[in-house]
PDB file of N, CA and C in Angstrom:
ATOM      1  N   UNK A   1     146.020 124.310  79.188  1.00  0.00           N
ATOM      2  CA  UNK A   1     145.502 125.660  79.020  1.00  0.00           C
ATOM      3  C   UNK A   1     144.254 125.540  77.625  1.00  0.00           C
ATOM      4  N   UNK A   2     144.358 124.402  77.170  1.00  0.00           N
ATOM      5  CA  UNK A   2     143.339 124.287  76.218  1.00  0.00           C
ATOM      6  C   UNK A   2     142.604 123.503  76.295  1.00  0.00           C
ATOM      7  N   UNK A   3     142.914 122.600  77.183  1.00  0.00           N
ATOM      8  CA  UNK A   3     141.528 121.731  77.997  1.00  0.00           C
ATOM      9  C   UNK A   3     141.140 122.638  78.445  1.00  0.00           C
ATOM     10  N   UNK A   4     141.765 123.876  80.150  1.00  0.00           N
ATOM     11  CA  UNK A   4     141.139 123.911  80.484  1.00  0.00           C
ATOM     12  C   UNK A   4     140.022 124.677  79.891  1.00  0.00           C
ATOM     13  N   UNK A   5     140.107 126.183  78.584  1.00  0.00           N
ATOM     14  CA  UNK A   5     139.481 126.658  78.052  1.00  0.00           C
ATOM     15  C   UNK A   5     137.997 126.032  77.181  1.00  0.00           C
ATOM     16  N   UNK A   6     138.316 124.588  77.120  1.00  0.00           N
ATOM     17  CA  UNK A   6     137.022 123.670  76.759  1.00  0.00           C
ATOM     18  C   UNK A   6     136.242 123.733  77.602  1.00  0.00           C
ATOM     19  N   UNK A   7     137.063 123.256  78.882  1.00  0.00           N
ATOM     20  CA  UNK A   7     136.337 122.669  79.780  1.00  0.00           C
ATOM     21  C   UNK A   7     135.542 124.130  80.048  1.00  0.00           C
ATOM     22  N   UNK A   8     135.981 124.979  80.532  1.00  0.00           N
ATOM     23  CA  UNK A   8     135.045 126.108  81.017  1.00  0.00           C
ATOM     24  C   UNK A   8     133.646 126.688  79.333  1.00  0.00           C
ATOM     25  N   UNK A   9     134.061 126.577  78.420  1.00  0.00           N
ATOM     26  CA  UNK A   9     133.543 126.900  77.521  1.00  0.00           C
ATOM     27  C   UNK A   9     132.041 125.711  77.497  1.00  0.00           C
ATOM     28  N   UNK A  10     132.638 124.533  78.018  1.00  0.00           N
ATOM     29  CA  UNK A  10     131.538 123.251  78.191  1.00  0.00           C
ATOM     30  C   UNK A  10     130.659 123.778  79.121  1.00  0.00           C
ATOM     31  N   UNK A  11     131.462 123.853  80.211  1.00  0.00           N
ATOM     32  CA  UNK A  11     130.435 124.564  80.756  1.00  0.00           C
ATOM     33  C   UNK A  11     129.340 125.796  80.880  1.00  0.00           C
ATOM     34  N   UNK A  12     130.660 126.699  80.158  1.00  0.00           N
ATOM     35  CA  UNK A  12     129.149 127.537  79.843  1.00  0.00           C
ATOM     36  C   UNK A  12     128.521 127.227  79.056  1.00  0.00           C
ATOM     37  N   UNK A  13     128.714 126.614  78.222  1.00  0.00           N
ATOM     38  CA  UNK A  13     127.621 126.661  77.571  1.00  0.00           C
ATOM     39  C   UNK A  13     126.062 125.482  77.935  1.00  0.00           C
ATOM     40  N   UNK A  14     127.005 124.676  78.984  1.00  0.00           N
ATOM     41  CA  UNK A  14     125.959 123.773  79.618  1.00  0.00           C
ATOM     42  C   UNK A  14     125.107 125.133  80.948  1.00  0.00           C
ATOM     43  N   UNK A  15     125.502 125.974  81.126  1.00  0.00           N
ATOM     44  CA  UNK A  15     125.219 126.742  81.986  1.00  0.00           C
ATOM     45  C   UNK A  15     123.638 127.637  80.860  1.00  0.00           C
ATOM     46  N   UNK A  16     124.852 128.237  79.629  1.00  0.00           N
ATOM     47  CA  UNK A  16     123.351 128.886  79.154  1.00  0.00           C
ATOM     48  C   UNK A  16     121.810 127.571  78.442  1.00  0.00           C
ATOM     49  N   UNK A  17     122.639 126.506  78.591  1.00  0.00           N
ATOM     50  CA  UNK A  17     121.413 126.068  77.998  1.00  0.00           C
ATOM     51  C   UNK A  17     120.696 125.560  78.689  1.00  0.00           C
ATOM     52  N   UNK A  18     120.918 125.434  80.029  1.00  0.00           N
ATOM     53  CA  UNK A  18     120.072 125.071  81.510  1.00  0.00           C
ATOM     54  C   UNK A  18     119.396 126.440  81.682  1.00  0.00           C
ATOM     55  N   UNK A  19     120.023 127.639  81.414  1.00  0.00           N
ATOM     56  CA  UNK A  19     118.993 128.648  81.295  1.00  0.00           C
ATOM     57  C   UNK A  19     118.007 129.351  80.581  1.00  0.00           C
ATOM     58  N   UNK A  20     118.726 128.974  79.290  1.00  0.00           N
ATOM     59  CA  UNK A  20     117.445 128.493  78.133  1.00  0.00           C
ATOM     60  C   UNK A  20     116.378 127.817  78.208  1.00  0.00           C
ATOM     61  N   UNK A  21     116.844 126.793  78.767  1.00  0.00           N
ATOM     62  CA  UNK A  21     115.653 125.410  79.818  1.00  0.00           C
ATOM     63  C   UNK A  21     114.511 125.962  80.960  1.00  0.00           C
ATOM     64  N   UNK A  22     115.605 126.315  81.334  1.00  0.00           N
ATOM     65  CA  UNK A  22     114.414 127.417  82.592  1.00  0.00           C
ATOM     66  C   UNK A  22     113.878 128.566  81.989  1.00  0.00           C
ATOM     67  N   UNK A  23     113.880 129.292  81.213  1.00  0.00           N
ATOM     68  CA  UNK A  23     113.762 130.336  80.893  1.00  0.00           C
ATOM     69  C   UNK A  23     112.303 129.112  80.114  1.00  0.00           C
ATOM     70  N   UNK A  24     112.696 128.757  78.779  1.00  0.00           N
ATOM     71  CA  UNK A  24     111.455 127.039  78.060  1.00  0.00           C
ATOM     72  C   UNK A  24     110.381 126.527  79.155  1.00  0.00           C
ATOM     73  N   UNK A  25     110.806 126.802  80.613  1.00  0.00           N
ATOM     74  CA  UNK A  25     110.310 126.021  81.222  1.00  0.00           C
ATOM     75  C   UNK A  25     109.242 127.302  82.358  1.00  0.00           C
ATOM     76  N   UNK A  26     109.766 128.579  82.267  1.00  0.00           N
ATOM     77  CA  UNK A  26     108.917 129.907  82.829  1.00  0.00           C
ATOM     78  C   UNK A  26     108.172 130.164  82.244  1.00  0.00           C
ATOM     79  N   UNK A  27     108.310 129.678  80.139  1.00  0.00           N
ATOM     80  CA  UNK A  27     107.194 130.758  79.502  1.00  0.00           C
ATOM     81  C   UNK A  27     106.190 129.407  79.778  1.00  0.00           C
ATOM     82  N   UNK A  28     106.861 127.879  79.363  1.00  0.00           N
ATOM     83  CA  UNK A  28     105.780 127.449  79.459  1.00  0.00           C
ATOM     84  C   UNK A  28     104.768 127.937  80.612  1.00  0.00           C
ATOM     85  N   UNK A  29     105.853 127.357  81.984  1.00  0.00           N
ATOM     86  CA  UNK A  29     104.289 127.748  83.591  1.00  0.00           C
ATOM     87  C   UNK A  29     103.603 129.182  83.231  1.00  0.00           C
ATOM     88  N   UNK A  30     103.928 130.807  82.286  1.00  0.00           N
ATOM     89  CA  UNK A  30     102.784 131.424  82.259  1.00  0.00           C
ATOM     90  C   UNK A  30     102.243 131.529  81.557  1.00  0.00           C
ATOM     91  N   UNK A  31     102.490 130.019  80.229  1.00  0.00           N
ATOM     92  CA  UNK A  31     101.170 130.511  79.674  1.00  0.00           C
ATOM     93  C   UNK A  31     100.440 129.512  80.329  1.00  0.00           C
ATOM     94  N   UNK A  32     100.601 128.625  81.169  1.00  0.00           N
ATOM     95  CA  UNK A  32      99.767 127.277  82.009  1.00  0.00           C
ATOM     96  C   UNK A  32      98.979 128.405  83.448  1.00  0.00           C
ATOM     97  N   UNK A  33      99.758 129.462  83.579  1.00  0.00           N
ATOM     98  CA  UNK A  33      99.351 130.384  84.109  1.00  0.00           C
ATOM     99  C   UNK A  33      98.394 130.841  84.103  1.00  0.00           C
ATOM    100  N   UNK A  34      98.454 131.843  82.546  1.00  0.00           N
ATOM    101  CA  UNK A  34      97.730 132.261  81.567  1.00  0.00           C
ATOM    102  C   UNK A  34      96.000 131.534  81.307  1.00  0.00           C
ATOM    103  N   UNK A  35      96.295 130.857  81.078  1.00  0.00           N
ATOM    104  CA  UNK A  35      95.725 129.668  80.684  1.00  0.00           C
ATOM    105  C   UNK A  35      94.720 129.369  81.609  1.00  0.00           C
ATOM    106  N   UNK A  36      94.659 128.663  82.536  1.00  0.00           N
ATOM    107  CA  UNK A  36      93.922 128.378  84.128  1.00  0.00           C
ATOM    108  C   UNK A  36      92.989 129.889  84.550  1.00  0.00           C
ATOM    109  N   UNK A  37      94.069 131.331  84.588  1.00  0.00           N
ATOM    110  CA  UNK A  37      93.456 132.201  84.821  1.00  0.00           C
ATOM    111  C   UNK A  37      92.348 132.598  83.703  1.00  0.00           C
ATOM    112  N   UNK A  38      92.420 132.443  82.391  1.00  0.00           N
ATOM    113  CA  UNK A  38      91.693 132.637  81.504  1.00  0.00           C
ATOM    114  C   UNK A  38      90.568 131.475  81.965  1.00  0.00           C
ATOM    115  N   UNK A  39      90.800 130.183  82.408  1.00  0.00           N
ATOM    116  CA  UNK A  39      89.399 128.901  81.683  1.00  0.00           C
ATOM    117  C   UNK A  39      88.705 129.571  83.793  1.00  0.00           C
ATOM    118  N   UNK A  40      89.343 130.520  85.328  1.00  0.00           N
ATOM    119  CA  UNK A  40      88.819 130.956  85.865  1.00  0.00           C
ATOM    120  C   UNK A  40      87.998 131.828  85.860  1.00  0.00           C
ATOM    121  N   UNK A  41      87.707 132.520  84.800  1.00  0.00           N
ATOM    122  CA  UNK A  41      87.531 134.418  84.506  1.00  0.00           C
ATOM    123  C   UNK A  41      86.569 133.539  83.471  1.00  0.00           C
ATOM    124  N   UNK A  42      86.452 132.709  83.057  1.00  0.00           N
ATOM    125  CA  UNK A  42      85.533 132.128  82.236  1.00  0.00           C
ATOM    126  C   UNK A  42      83.852 131.624  82.904  1.00  0.00           C
ATOM    127  N   UNK A  43      84.637 130.407  84.417  1.00  0.00           N
ATOM    128  CA  UNK A  43      84.084 129.921  85.139  1.00  0.00           C
ATOM    129  C   UNK A  43      82.994 130.845  85.946  1.00  0.00           C
ATOM    130  N   UNK A  44      83.962 132.218  85.968  1.00  0.00           N
ATOM    131  CA  UNK A  44      83.403 133.102  86.370  1.00  0.00           C
ATOM    132  C   UNK A  44      82.495 133.789  86.540  1.00  0.00           C
ATOM    133  N   UNK A  45      82.171 134.039  84.758  1.00  0.00           N
ATOM    134  CA  UNK A  45      81.191 134.881  83.807  1.00  0.00           C
ATOM    135  C   UNK A  45      80.017 134.041  83.436  1.00  0.00           C
ATOM    136  N   UNK A  46      80.208 132.444  83.641  1.00  0.00           N
ATOM    137  CA  UNK A  46      79.169 131.473  83.912  1.00  0.00           C
ATOM    138  C   UNK A  46      78.832 131.751  84.389  1.00  0.00           C
ATOM    139  N   UNK A  47      78.975 131.616  85.834  1.00  0.00           N
ATOM    140  CA  UNK A  47      78.487 131.655  87.453  1.00  0.00           C
ATOM    141  C   UNK A  47      77.654 132.795  87.875  1.00  0.00           C
ATOM    142  N   UNK A  48      78.200 134.449  87.597  1.00  0.00           N
ATOM    143  CA  UNK A  48      77.590 135.048  87.057  1.00  0.00           C
ATOM    144  C   UNK A  48      76.239 135.601  86.465  1.00  0.00           C
ATOM    145  N   UNK A  49      76.508 134.738  85.111  1.00  0.00           N
ATOM    146  CA  UNK A  49      75.469 134.630  84.040  1.00  0.00           C
ATOM    147  C   UNK A  49      73.961 133.574  84.290  1.00  0.00           C
ATOM    148  N   UNK A  50      74.703 133.198  85.108  1.00  0.00           N
ATOM    149  CA  UNK A  50      73.520 131.895  85.939  1.00  0.00           C
ATOM    150  C   UNK A  50      72.735 132.558  86.857  1.00  0.00           C
ATOM    151  N   UNK A  51      73.873 133.117  87.901  1.00  0.00           N
ATOM    152  CA  UNK A  51      72.893 133.718  88.706  1.00  0.00           C
ATOM    153  C   UNK A  51      72.029 135.176  88.460  1.00  0.00           C
ATOM    154  N   UNK A  52      72.046 135.170  87.497  1.00  0.00           N
ATOM    155  CA  UNK A  52      71.521 137.159  86.573  1.00  0.00           C
ATOM    156  C   UNK A  52      70.746 135.943  86.119  1.00  0.00           C
ATOM    157  N   UNK A  53      70.785 134.879  85.181  1.00  0.00           N
ATOM    158  CA  UNK A  53      69.291 133.774  85.453  1.00  0.00           C
ATOM    159  C   UNK A  53      68.128 133.493  85.749  1.00  0.00           C
ATOM    160  N   UNK A  54      68.761 132.980  87.466  1.00  0.00           N
ATOM    161  CA  UNK A  54      67.927 132.654  88.180  1.00  0.00           C
ATOM    162  C   UNK A  54      67.295 134.046  88.629  1.00  0.00           C
ATOM    163  N   UNK A  55      68.210 134.754  89.234  1.00  0.00           N
ATOM    164  CA  UNK A  55      67.584 136.158  89.603  1.00  0.00           C
ATOM    165  C   UNK A  55      66.263 136.460  88.554  1.00  0.00           C
ATOM    166  N   UNK A  56      66.438 136.915  87.246  1.00  0.00           N
ATOM    167  CA  UNK A  56      65.667 137.449  86.169  1.00  0.00           C
ATOM    168  C   UNK A  56      64.482 135.769  86.531  1.00  0.00           C
ATOM    169  N   UNK A  57      64.854 135.048  86.612  1.00  0.00           N
ATOM    170  CA  UNK A  57      63.682 134.050  86.482  1.00  0.00           C
ATOM    171  C   UNK A  57      62.709 133.866  88.253  1.00  0.00           C
ATOM    172  N   UNK A  58      63.497 133.917  89.026  1.00  0.00           N
ATOM    173  CA  UNK A  58      62.441 133.625  90.510  1.00  0.00           C
ATOM    174  C   UNK A  58      61.337 135.245  90.709  1.00  0.00           C
ATOM    175  N   UNK A  59      62.115 136.153  89.832  1.00  0.00           N
ATOM    176  CA  UNK A  59      61.775 137.391  89.097  1.00  0.00           C
ATOM    177  C   UNK A  59      60.224 137.290  88.326  1.00  0.00           C
ATOM    178  N   UNK A  60      60.772 136.616  87.556  1.00  0.00           N
ATOM    179  CA  UNK A  60      59.377 136.758  86.563  1.00  0.00           C
ATOM    180  C   UNK A  60      58.621 135.312  87.213  1.00  0.00           C
ATOM    181  N   UNK A  61      58.925 135.046  88.648  1.00  0.00           N
ATOM    182  CA  UNK A  61      57.489 134.154  89.064  1.00  0.00           C
ATOM    183  C   UNK A  61      57.188 134.934  90.193  1.00  0.00           C
ATOM    184  N   UNK A  62      57.964 135.338  90.971  1.00  0.00           N
ATOM    185  CA  UNK A  62      57.028 136.988  91.948  1.00  0.00           C
ATOM    186  C   UNK A  62      55.805 137.500  91.105  1.00  0.00           C
ATOM    187  N   UNK A  63      56.479 137.770  90.343  1.00  0.00           N
ATOM    188  CA  UNK A  63      55.150 138.984  89.686  1.00  0.00           C
ATOM    189  C   UNK A  63      54.510 137.670  88.885  1.00  0.00           C
ATOM    190  N   UNK A  64      54.402 136.592  88.331  1.00  0.00           N
ATOM    191  CA  UNK A  64      53.304 136.149  87.971  1.00  0.00           C
ATOM    192  C   UNK A  64      52.330 135.707  89.487  1.00  0.00           C
ATOM    193  N   UNK A  65      52.970 134.897  90.147  1.00  0.00           N
ATOM    194  CA  UNK A  65      52.653 134.894  91.257  1.00  0.00           C
ATOM    195  C   UNK A  65      51.555 136.647  92.488  1.00  0.00           C
ATOM    196  N   UNK A  66      52.383 137.894  92.044  1.00  0.00           N
ATOM    197  CA  UNK A  66      51.778 138.756  92.174  1.00  0.00           C
ATOM    198  C   UNK A  66      50.245 138.834  90.904  1.00  0.00           C
ATOM    199  N   UNK A  67      50.317 138.910  90.028  1.00  0.00           N
ATOM    200  CA  UNK A  67      49.320 139.109  89.148  1.00  0.00           C
ATOM    201  C   UNK A  67      47.934 138.329  89.251  1.00  0.00           C
ATOM    202  N   UNK A  68      48.649 136.555  89.999  1.00  0.00           N
ATOM    203  CA  UNK A  68      47.998 135.745  89.820  1.00  0.00           C
ATOM    204  C   UNK A  68      46.898 136.067  90.840  1.00  0.00           C
ATOM    205  N   UNK A  69      46.943 136.383  92.488  1.00  0.00           N
ATOM    206  CA  UNK A  69      46.551 136.911  92.852  1.00  0.00           C
ATOM    207  C   UNK A  69      45.705 138.630  93.134  1.00  0.00           C
ATOM    208  N   UNK A  70      46.328 139.305  91.955  1.00  0.00           N
ATOM    209  CA  UNK A  70      45.877 140.299  92.160  1.00  0.00           C
ATOM    210  C   UNK A  70      44.123 140.244  91.019  1.00  0.00           C
ATOM    211  N   UNK A  71      44.646 139.004  90.320  1.00  0.00           N
ATOM    212  CA  UNK A  71      43.512 138.580  89.382  1.00  0.00           C
ATOM    213  C   UNK A  71      42.234 137.250  90.170  1.00  0.00           C
ATOM    214  N   UNK A  72      42.843 137.128  91.334  1.00  0.00           N
ATOM    215  CA  UNK A  72      41.994 136.564  91.993  1.00  0.00           C
ATOM    216  C   UNK A  72      41.811 137.040  93.351  1.00  0.00           C
ATOM    217  N   UNK A  73      41.387 138.350  93.582  1.00  0.00           N
ATOM    218  CA  UNK A  73      41.002 139.734  94.782  1.00  0.00           C
ATOM    219  C   UNK A  73      39.913 140.334  93.144  1.00  0.00           C
ATOM    220  N   UNK A  74      40.838 140.498  92.639  1.00  0.00           N
ATOM    221  CA  UNK A  74      39.494 141.302  91.276  1.00  0.00           C
ATOM    222  C   UNK A  74      38.490 139.793  91.100  1.00  0.00           C
ATOM    223  N   UNK A  75      38.492 138.799  91.219  1.00  0.00           N
ATOM    224  CA  UNK A  75      37.549 137.361  90.416  1.00  0.00           C
ATOM    225  C   UNK A  75      36.398 138.294  91.681  1.00  0.00           C
ATOM    226  N   UNK A  76      37.175 138.490  92.890  1.00  0.00           N
ATOM    227  CA  UNK A  76      36.305 138.046  94.123  1.00  0.00           C
ATOM    228  C   UNK A  76      35.219 139.271  94.666  1.00  0.00           C
ATOM    229  N   UNK A  77      36.010 140.082  94.119  1.00  0.00           N
ATOM    230  CA  UNK A  77      35.061 141.381  94.232  1.00  0.00           C
ATOM    231  C   UNK A  77      34.536 141.377  93.096  1.00  0.00           C
ATOM    232  N   UNK A  78      34.150 140.951  91.697  1.00  0.00           N
ATOM    233  CA  UNK A  78      33.413 140.983  90.870  1.00  0.00           C
ATOM    234  C   UNK A  78      32.500 140.262  91.463  1.00  0.00           C
ATOM    235  N   UNK A  79      32.578 139.116  91.780  1.00  0.00           N
ATOM    236  CA  UNK A  79      31.879 137.745  92.381  1.00  0.00           C
ATOM    237  C   UNK A  79      30.632 138.231  93.228  1.00  0.00           C
ATOM    238  N   UNK A  80      31.179 138.989  94.327  1.00  0.00           N
ATOM    239  CA  UNK A  80      30.256 139.451  94.920  1.00  0.00           C
ATOM    240  C   UNK A  80      30.267 141.346  94.504  1.00  0.00           C
ATOM    241  N   UNK A  81      29.999 142.106  94.195  1.00  0.00           N
ATOM    242  CA  UNK A  81      29.200 142.952  93.276  1.00  0.00           C
ATOM    243  C   UNK A  81      28.463 142.524  92.599  1.00  0.00           C
ATOM    244  N   UNK A  82      28.510 141.423  92.233  1.00  0.00           N
ATOM    245  CA  UNK A  82      27.227 140.849  91.751  1.00  0.00           C
ATOM    246  C   UNK A  82      26.107 139.806  92.378  1.00  0.00           C
ATOM    247  N   UNK A  83      27.098 139.606  93.362  1.00  0.00           N
ATOM    248  CA  UNK A  83      25.732 139.096  94.466  1.00  0.00           C
ATOM    249  C   UNK A  83      25.032 140.121  94.969  1.00  0.00           C
ATOM    250  N   UNK A  84      26.027 140.974  95.357  1.00  0.00           N
ATOM    251  CA  UNK A  84      24.651 142.497  95.511  1.00  0.00           C
ATOM    252  C   UNK A  84      23.909 143.610  94.796  1.00  0.00           C
ATOM    253  N   UNK A  85      23.956 143.009  93.466  1.00  0.00           N
ATOM    254  CA  UNK A  85      23.784 143.828  92.617  1.00  0.00           C
ATOM    255  C   UNK A  85      22.783 142.787  92.123  1.00  0.00           C
ATOM    256  N   UNK A  86      22.540 141.633  92.036  1.00  0.00           N
ATOM    257  CA  UNK A  86      21.745 140.729  91.625  1.00  0.00           C
ATOM    258  C   UNK A  86      20.445 139.918  91.805  1.00  0.00           C
TER     259      UNK A  86
END
């Protein structure tokens, strides 16, 4: 009878220890998952920022091209005007 109770207590203790170990492992997995999620979110923010910078850069380049074209057109018109007046 005493041996049986001791065996039951030992089995319960092992069960409790196993459950605690599983919970620790679960917490570790949760922490790992949270870390992975934060890493993915940071990567997504970096990628979004990079795309925004590329878009802004291409818009600046396009605006510079437009200004250069306008300047060329104005120079040609000015040159023609001087030719006709001159």
